[in-house]
Structures are given as C-alpha cells and as structure tokens.
Amino acid sequence: MRLLDKVLKPEGYNIGINTSLSAGAGEARHLHIHIVPRWKGDTNFMTTLYNTKVISQSLAELYKQLKKYAQSGTD
C-alpha cells in the first residue's frame, strides 16, 4: 500500500480476501488478498454490478512505476 500511495495517491483502499475454491481463490487450500485503491467518485466496482471492467491505466505501466519506487528504497 505504501508503493500504491506513492504512485497512485489514492484516497483510500478496499481490501478483500478470497479463501477456498468456492470463494474464487482457484483451489481449495489457497488464499489471496485484493488491495483496491479508491478515490471519491471512482468506478472500481463496476464488475460487481455490470460485469464490466474499468482500467484507467495499463497494468504493465503501473507495474513499471511500482517497481521503480520499490527499487529506489525510499519511503
């Protein structure tokens, strides 16, 4: 979240945990966590309502930005 704070400057986060196959984790003994940056008035949860995804930035570009901050070693 510190890296996301530096790169995206969100106003808050939604955090969700998926456990087990039925909850969408992909296999019975798996757990994973979603960290979703949020801004006032954003539309990040359209998938829940309309099966539509809104991606305002390339994930490859975001990865490059996060990696740059992570490698710089600055907080």
PDB file of N, CA and C in Angstrom:
ATOM      1  N   MET A   1       0.820  -1.179   0.000  1.00  0.00           N
ATOM      2  CA  MET A   1       0.000   0.000   0.000  1.00  0.00           C
ATOM      3  C   MET A   1       0.873   1.255   0.000  1.00  0.00           C
ATOM      4  N   ARG A   2       2.053   1.174   0.630  1.00  0.00           N
ATOM      5  CA  ARG A   2       2.939   2.342   0.606  1.00  0.00           C
ATOM      6  C   ARG A   2       3.354   2.689  -0.815  1.00  0.00           C
ATOM      7  N   LEU A   3       3.649   1.653  -1.618  1.00  0.00           N
ATOM      8  CA  LEU A   3       4.002   1.915  -3.012  1.00  0.00           C
ATOM      9  C   LEU A   3       2.819   2.497  -3.781  1.00  0.00           C
ATOM     10  N   LEU A   4       1.647   1.958  -3.573  1.00  0.00           N
ATOM     11  CA  LEU A   4       0.452   2.487  -4.230  1.00  0.00           C
ATOM     12  C   LEU A   4       0.193   3.927  -3.793  1.00  0.00           C
ATOM     13  N   ASP A   5       0.419   4.227  -2.506  1.00  0.00           N
ATOM     14  CA  ASP A   5       0.274   5.604  -2.030  1.00  0.00           C
ATOM     15  C   ASP A   5       1.192   6.548  -2.798  1.00  0.00           C
ATOM     16  N   LYS A   6       2.435   6.134  -2.999  1.00  0.00           N
ATOM     17  CA  LYS A   6       3.415   6.982  -3.703  1.00  0.00           C
ATOM     18  C   LYS A   6       3.065   7.171  -5.173  1.00  0.00           C
ATOM     19  N   VAL A   7       2.669   6.092  -5.828  1.00  0.00           N
ATOM     20  CA  VAL A   7       2.460   6.129  -7.281  1.00  0.00           C
ATOM     21  C   VAL A   7       1.073   6.643  -7.655  1.00  0.00           C
ATOM     22  N   LEU A   8       0.039   6.133  -6.989  1.00  0.00           N
ATOM     23  CA  LEU A   8      -1.335   6.452  -7.394  1.00  0.00           C
ATOM     24  C   LEU A   8      -2.014   7.506  -6.523  1.00  0.00           C
ATOM     25  N   LYS A   9      -1.510   7.690  -5.312  1.00  0.00           N
ATOM     26  CA  LYS A   9      -2.078   8.648  -4.370  1.00  0.00           C
ATOM     27  C   LYS A   9      -3.592   8.465  -4.168  1.00  0.00           C
ATOM     28  N   PRO A  10      -4.023   7.244  -3.807  1.00  0.00           N
ATOM     29  CA  PRO A  10      -5.453   7.017  -3.584  1.00  0.00           C
ATOM     30  C   PRO A  10      -5.934   7.697  -2.300  1.00  0.00           C
ATOM     31  N   GLU A  11      -7.242   7.886  -2.208  1.00  0.00           N
ATOM     32  CA  GLU A  11      -7.839   8.469  -1.009  1.00  0.00           C
ATOM     33  C   GLU A  11      -8.193   7.395   0.024  1.00  0.00           C
ATOM     34  N   GLY A  12      -8.180   6.133  -0.396  1.00  0.00           N
ATOM     35  CA  GLY A  12      -8.485   5.030   0.498  1.00  0.00           C
ATOM     36  C   GLY A  12      -8.301   3.709  -0.214  1.00  0.00           C
ATOM     37  N   TYR A  13      -8.638   2.613   0.463  1.00  0.00           N
ATOM     38  CA  TYR A  13      -8.483   1.273  -0.103  1.00  0.00           C
ATOM     39  C   TYR A  13      -9.680   0.407   0.262  1.00  0.00           C
ATOM     40  N   ASN A  14     -10.013  -0.520  -0.615  1.00  0.00           N
ATOM     41  CA  ASN A  14     -10.859  -1.656  -0.277  1.00  0.00           C
ATOM     42  C   ASN A  14      -9.939  -2.862  -0.261  1.00  0.00           C
ATOM     43  N   ILE A  15     -10.067  -3.697   0.769  1.00  0.00           N
ATOM     44  CA  ILE A  15      -9.239  -4.890   0.880  1.00  0.00           C
ATOM     45  C   ILE A  15     -10.174  -6.085   1.024  1.00  0.00           C
ATOM     46  N   GLY A  16      -9.963  -7.098   0.170  1.00  0.00           N
ATOM     47  CA  GLY A  16     -10.796  -8.295   0.210  1.00  0.00           C
ATOM     48  C   GLY A  16      -9.942  -9.543   0.223  1.00  0.00           C
ATOM     49  N   ILE A  17     -10.423 -10.582   0.881  1.00  0.00           N
ATOM     50  CA  ILE A  17      -9.698 -11.847   0.985  1.00  0.00           C
ATOM     51  C   ILE A  17     -10.552 -12.952   0.379  1.00  0.00           C
ATOM     52  N   ASN A  18      -9.970 -13.722  -0.526  1.00  0.00           N
ATOM     53  CA  ASN A  18     -10.628 -14.891  -1.102  1.00  0.00           C
ATOM     54  C   ASN A  18      -9.974 -16.135  -0.511  1.00  0.00           C
ATOM     55  N   THR A  19     -10.783 -17.016   0.060  1.00  0.00           N
ATOM     56  CA  THR A  19     -10.287 -18.282   0.592  1.00  0.00           C
ATOM     57  C   THR A  19     -11.139 -19.407   0.041  1.00  0.00           C
ATOM     58  N   SER A  20     -10.524 -20.451  -0.380  1.00  0.00           N
ATOM     59  CA  SER A  20     -11.128 -21.682  -0.886  1.00  0.00           C
ATOM     60  C   SER A  20     -11.654 -21.538  -2.313  1.00  0.00           C
ATOM     61  N   LEU A  21     -11.884 -22.644  -2.908  1.00  0.00           N
ATOM     62  CA  LEU A  21     -12.344 -22.711  -4.288  1.00  0.00           C
ATOM     63  C   LEU A  21     -13.676 -21.989  -4.480  1.00  0.00           C
ATOM     64  N   SER A  22     -14.610 -22.188  -3.591  1.00  0.00           N
ATOM     65  CA  SER A  22     -15.937 -21.581  -3.722  1.00  0.00           C
ATOM     66  C   SER A  22     -15.915 -20.060  -3.647  1.00  0.00           C
ATOM     67  N   ALA A  23     -14.941 -19.512  -2.971  1.00  0.00           N
ATOM     68  CA  ALA A  23     -14.841 -18.061  -2.818  1.00  0.00           C
ATOM     69  C   ALA A  23     -14.025 -17.411  -3.927  1.00  0.00           C
ATOM     70  N   GLY A  24     -13.593 -18.195  -4.901  1.00  0.00           N
ATOM     71  CA  GLY A  24     -12.873 -17.622  -6.030  1.00  0.00           C
ATOM     72  C   GLY A  24     -11.369 -17.658  -5.919  1.00  0.00           C
ATOM     73  N   ALA A  25     -10.840 -18.409  -4.971  1.00  0.00           N
ATOM     74  CA  ALA A  25      -9.398 -18.465  -4.791  1.00  0.00           C
ATOM     75  C   ALA A  25      -8.723 -19.381  -5.815  1.00  0.00           C
ATOM     76  N   GLY A  26      -9.496 -20.175  -6.553  1.00  0.00           N
ATOM     77  CA  GLY A  26      -8.916 -21.003  -7.600  1.00  0.00           C
ATOM     78  C   GLY A  26      -8.650 -22.436  -7.206  1.00  0.00           C
ATOM     79  N   GLU A  27      -8.387 -22.678  -5.938  1.00  0.00           N
ATOM     80  CA  GLU A  27      -8.195 -24.047  -5.445  1.00  0.00           C
ATOM     81  C   GLU A  27      -8.565 -24.093  -3.967  1.00  0.00           C
ATOM     82  N   ALA A  28      -8.790 -25.276  -3.470  1.00  0.00           N
ATOM     83  CA  ALA A  28      -9.361 -25.457  -2.135  1.00  0.00           C
ATOM     84  C   ALA A  28      -8.513 -24.875  -1.007  1.00  0.00           C
ATOM     85  N   ARG A  29      -7.201 -25.005  -1.068  1.00  0.00           N
ATOM     86  CA  ARG A  29      -6.359 -24.587   0.060  1.00  0.00           C
ATOM     87  C   ARG A  29      -5.564 -23.322  -0.265  1.00  0.00           C
ATOM     88  N   HIS A  30      -6.181 -22.401  -0.981  1.00  0.00           N
ATOM     89  CA  HIS A  30      -5.492 -21.181  -1.409  1.00  0.00           C
ATOM     90  C   HIS A  30      -6.167 -19.958  -0.791  1.00  0.00           C
ATOM     91  N   LEU A  31      -5.371 -18.952  -0.512  1.00  0.00           N
ATOM     92  CA  LEU A  31      -5.863 -17.680  -0.011  1.00  0.00           C
ATOM     93  C   LEU A  31      -5.154 -16.581  -0.782  1.00  0.00           C
ATOM     94  N   HIS A  32      -5.880 -15.588  -1.221  1.00  0.00           N
ATOM     95  CA  HIS A  32      -5.221 -14.407  -1.773  1.00  0.00           C
ATOM     96  C   HIS A  32      -5.992 -13.159  -1.378  1.00  0.00           C
ATOM     97  N   ILE A  33      -5.291 -12.029  -1.421  1.00  0.00           N
ATOM     98  CA  ILE A  33      -5.832 -10.760  -0.946  1.00  0.00           C
ATOM     99  C   ILE A  33      -5.843  -9.758  -2.096  1.00  0.00           C
ATOM    100  N   HIS A  34      -6.954  -9.054  -2.238  1.00  0.00           N
ATOM    101  CA  HIS A  34      -7.070  -7.971  -3.215  1.00  0.00           C
ATOM    102  C   HIS A  34      -6.936  -6.644  -2.471  1.00  0.00           C
ATOM    103  N   ILE A  35      -6.093  -5.771  -2.981  1.00  0.00           N
ATOM    104  CA  ILE A  35      -5.969  -4.422  -2.446  1.00  0.00           C
ATOM    105  C   ILE A  35      -6.352  -3.487  -3.584  1.00  0.00           C
ATOM    106  N   VAL A  36      -7.466  -2.783  -3.414  1.00  0.00           N
ATOM    107  CA  VAL A  36      -8.002  -1.940  -4.479  1.00  0.00           C
ATOM    108  C   VAL A  36      -7.924  -0.480  -4.048  1.00  0.00           C
ATOM    109  N   PRO A  37      -7.067   0.311  -4.717  1.00  0.00           N
ATOM    110  CA  PRO A  37      -7.010   1.740  -4.394  1.00  0.00           C
ATOM    111  C   PRO A  37      -8.321   2.408  -4.806  1.00  0.00           C
ATOM    112  N   ARG A  38      -8.786   3.368  -3.988  1.00  0.00           N
ATOM    113  CA  ARG A  38     -10.067   4.027  -4.258  1.00  0.00           C
ATOM    114  C   ARG A  38      -9.934   5.540  -4.186  1.00  0.00           C
ATOM    115  N   TRP A  39     -10.771   6.218  -4.961  1.00  0.00           N
ATOM    116  CA  TRP A  39     -10.871   7.666  -4.972  1.00  0.00           C
ATOM    117  C   TRP A  39     -12.342   8.040  -4.903  1.00  0.00           C
ATOM    118  N   LYS A  40     -12.634   9.175  -4.337  1.00  0.00           N
ATOM    119  CA  LYS A  40     -14.015   9.640  -4.268  1.00  0.00           C
ATOM    120  C   LYS A  40     -14.610   9.683  -5.678  1.00  0.00           C
ATOM    121  N   GLY A  41     -15.734   9.022  -5.863  1.00  0.00           N
ATOM    122  CA  GLY A  41     -16.415   9.035  -7.148  1.00  0.00           C
ATOM    123  C   GLY A  41     -15.877   8.055  -8.176  1.00  0.00           C
ATOM    124  N   ASP A  42     -14.947   7.162  -7.805  1.00  0.00           N
ATOM    125  CA  ASP A  42     -14.397   6.232  -8.797  1.00  0.00           C
ATOM    126  C   ASP A  42     -15.399   5.131  -9.145  1.00  0.00           C
ATOM    127  N   THR A  43     -15.022   4.293 -10.098  1.00  0.00           N
ATOM    128  CA  THR A  43     -15.922   3.240 -10.588  1.00  0.00           C
ATOM    129  C   THR A  43     -15.264   1.875 -10.543  1.00  0.00           C
ATOM    130  N   ASN A  44     -14.395   1.625  -9.556  1.00  0.00           N
ATOM    131  CA  ASN A  44     -13.650   0.369  -9.500  1.00  0.00           C
ATOM    132  C   ASN A  44     -14.505  -0.863  -9.301  1.00  0.00           C
ATOM    133  N   PHE A  45     -15.736  -0.711  -8.799  1.00  0.00           N
ATOM    134  CA  PHE A  45     -16.531  -1.890  -8.534  1.00  0.00           C
ATOM    135  C   PHE A  45     -17.645  -2.107  -9.545  1.00  0.00           C
ATOM    136  N   MET A  46     -17.467  -1.606 -10.754  1.00  0.00           N
ATOM    137  CA  MET A  46     -18.448  -1.859 -11.808  1.00  0.00           C
ATOM    138  C   MET A  46     -18.564  -3.342 -12.111  1.00  0.00           C
ATOM    139  N   THR A  47     -17.474  -4.105 -11.939  1.00  0.00           N
ATOM    140  CA  THR A  47     -17.531  -5.548 -12.219  1.00  0.00           C
ATOM    141  C   THR A  47     -18.541  -6.249 -11.330  1.00  0.00           C
ATOM    142  N   THR A  48     -18.718  -5.768 -10.123  1.00  0.00           N
ATOM    143  CA  THR A  48     -19.678  -6.376  -9.215  1.00  0.00           C
ATOM    144  C   THR A  48     -21.109  -6.191  -9.730  1.00  0.00           C
ATOM    145  N   LEU A  49     -21.355  -5.063 -10.360  1.00  0.00           N
ATOM    146  CA  LEU A  49     -22.713  -4.726 -10.778  1.00  0.00           C
ATOM    147  C   LEU A  49     -23.003  -5.047 -12.241  1.00  0.00           C
ATOM    148  N   TYR A  50     -22.046  -4.825 -13.116  1.00  0.00           N
ATOM    149  CA  TYR A  50     -22.321  -4.886 -14.549  1.00  0.00           C
ATOM    150  C   TYR A  50     -21.425  -5.827 -15.338  1.00  0.00           C
ATOM    151  N   ASN A  51     -20.562  -6.599 -14.672  1.00  0.00           N
ATOM    152  CA  ASN A  51     -19.604  -7.472 -15.349  1.00  0.00           C
ATOM    153  C   ASN A  51     -18.758  -6.685 -16.352  1.00  0.00           C
ATOM    154  N   THR A  52     -18.390  -5.480 -15.972  1.00  0.00           N
ATOM    155  CA  THR A  52     -17.609  -4.576 -16.821  1.00  0.00           C
ATOM    156  C   THR A  52     -16.369  -4.157 -16.053  1.00  0.00           C
ATOM    157  N   LYS A  53     -15.236  -4.076 -16.730  1.00  0.00           N
ATOM    158  CA  LYS A  53     -14.012  -3.635 -16.071  1.00  0.00           C
ATOM    159  C   LYS A  53     -13.628  -2.249 -16.570  1.00  0.00           C
ATOM    160  N   VAL A  54     -13.228  -1.389 -15.643  1.00  0.00           N
ATOM    161  CA  VAL A  54     -12.738  -0.059 -15.975  1.00  0.00           C
ATOM    162  C   VAL A  54     -11.269  -0.028 -15.578  1.00  0.00           C
ATOM    163  N   ILE A  55     -10.386   0.071 -16.547  1.00  0.00           N
ATOM    164  CA  ILE A  55      -8.954   0.146 -16.279  1.00  0.00           C
ATOM    165  C   ILE A  55      -8.467   1.464 -16.845  1.00  0.00           C
ATOM    166  N   SER A  56      -8.116   2.391 -15.952  1.00  0.00           N
ATOM    167  CA  SER A  56      -7.723   3.723 -16.382  1.00  0.00           C
ATOM    168  C   SER A  56      -6.239   3.828 -16.707  1.00  0.00           C
ATOM    169  N   GLN A  57      -5.492   2.766 -16.419  1.00  0.00           N
ATOM    170  CA  GLN A  57      -4.059   2.773 -16.665  1.00  0.00           C
ATOM    171  C   GLN A  57      -3.627   1.362 -17.027  1.00  0.00           C
ATOM    172  N   SER A  58      -2.682   1.264 -17.935  1.00  0.00           N
ATOM    173  CA  SER A  58      -2.114  -0.030 -18.298  1.00  0.00           C
ATOM    174  C   SER A  58      -1.498  -0.690 -17.063  1.00  0.00           C
ATOM    175  N   LEU A  59      -1.825  -1.957 -16.834  1.00  0.00           N
ATOM    176  CA  LEU A  59      -1.233  -2.666 -15.704  1.00  0.00           C
ATOM    177  C   LEU A  59       0.273  -2.816 -15.871  1.00  0.00           C
ATOM    178  N   ALA A  60       0.735  -2.947 -17.114  1.00  0.00           N
ATOM    179  CA  ALA A  60       2.177  -3.037 -17.366  1.00  0.00           C
ATOM    180  C   ALA A  60       2.871  -1.731 -16.970  1.00  0.00           C
ATOM    181  N   GLU A  61       2.259  -0.597 -17.266  1.00  0.00           N
ATOM    182  CA  GLU A  61       2.835   0.698 -16.901  1.00  0.00           C
ATOM    183  C   GLU A  61       2.811   0.882 -15.381  1.00  0.00           C
ATOM    184  N   LEU A  62       1.725   0.495 -14.729  1.00  0.00           N
ATOM    185  CA  LEU A  62       1.653   0.586 -13.275  1.00  0.00           C
ATOM    186  C   LEU A  62       2.739  -0.280 -12.638  1.00  0.00           C
ATOM    187  N   TYR A  63       2.931  -1.482 -13.159  1.00  0.00           N
ATOM    188  CA  TYR A  63       3.978  -2.370 -12.646  1.00  0.00           C
ATOM    189  C   TYR A  63       5.346  -1.694 -12.745  1.00  0.00           C
ATOM    190  N   LYS A  64       5.634  -1.053 -13.872  1.00  0.00           N
ATOM    191  CA  LYS A  64       6.917  -0.360 -14.036  1.00  0.00           C
ATOM    192  C   LYS A  64       7.083   0.736 -12.996  1.00  0.00           C
ATOM    193  N   GLN A  65       6.024   1.497 -12.755  1.00  0.00           N
ATOM    194  CA  GLN A  65       6.096   2.580 -11.777  1.00  0.00           C
ATOM    195  C   GLN A  65       6.288   2.050 -10.364  1.00  0.00           C
ATOM    196  N   LEU A  66       5.551   0.998 -10.008  1.00  0.00           N
ATOM    197  CA  LEU A  66       5.700   0.414  -8.669  1.00  0.00           C
ATOM    198  C   LEU A  66       7.088  -0.179  -8.477  1.00  0.00           C
ATOM    199  N   LYS A  67       7.597  -0.849  -9.506  1.00  0.00           N
ATOM    200  CA  LYS A  67       8.935  -1.448  -9.436  1.00  0.00           C
ATOM    201  C   LYS A  67       9.998  -0.376  -9.252  1.00  0.00           C
ATOM    202  N   LYS A  68       9.852   0.743  -9.946  1.00  0.00           N
ATOM    203  CA  LYS A  68      10.804   1.850  -9.823  1.00  0.00           C
ATOM    204  C   LYS A  68      10.871   2.347  -8.382  1.00  0.00           C
ATOM    205  N   TYR A  69       9.712   2.579  -7.752  1.00  0.00           N
ATOM    206  CA  TYR A  69       9.695   3.032  -6.364  1.00  0.00           C
ATOM    207  C   TYR A  69      10.231   1.972  -5.412  1.00  0.00           C
ATOM    208  N   ALA A  70       9.891   0.702  -5.659  1.00  0.00           N
ATOM    209  CA  ALA A  70      10.345  -0.380  -4.790  1.00  0.00           C
ATOM    210  C   ALA A  70      11.877  -0.512  -4.826  1.00  0.00           C
ATOM    211  N   GLN A  71      12.462  -0.343  -6.008  1.00  0.00           N
ATOM    212  CA  GLN A  71      13.909  -0.477  -6.145  1.00  0.00           C
ATOM    213  C   GLN A  71      14.663   0.742  -5.642  1.00  0.00           C
ATOM    214  N   SER A  72      13.988   1.884  -5.542  1.00  0.00           N
ATOM    215  CA  SER A  72      14.668   3.093  -5.088  1.00  0.00           C
ATOM    216  C   SER A  72      14.964   3.049  -3.593  1.00  0.00           C
ATOM    217  N   GLY A  73      14.200   2.237  -2.847  1.00  0.00           N
ATOM    218  CA  GLY A  73      14.436   2.083  -1.419  1.00  0.00           C
ATOM    219  C   GLY A  73      14.002   3.279  -0.587  1.00  0.00           C
ATOM    220  N   THR A  74      13.253   4.206  -1.191  1.00  0.00           N
ATOM    221  CA  THR A  74      12.776   5.360  -0.433  1.00  0.00           C
ATOM    222  C   THR A  74      11.336   5.141  -0.005  1.00  0.00           C
ATOM    223  N   ASP A  75      10.993   5.702   1.148  1.00  0.00           N
ATOM    224  CA  ASP A  75       9.604   5.602   1.640  1.00  0.00           C
ATOM    225  C   ASP A  75       8.825   6.821   1.251  1.00  0.00           C
TER     226      ASP A  75
END
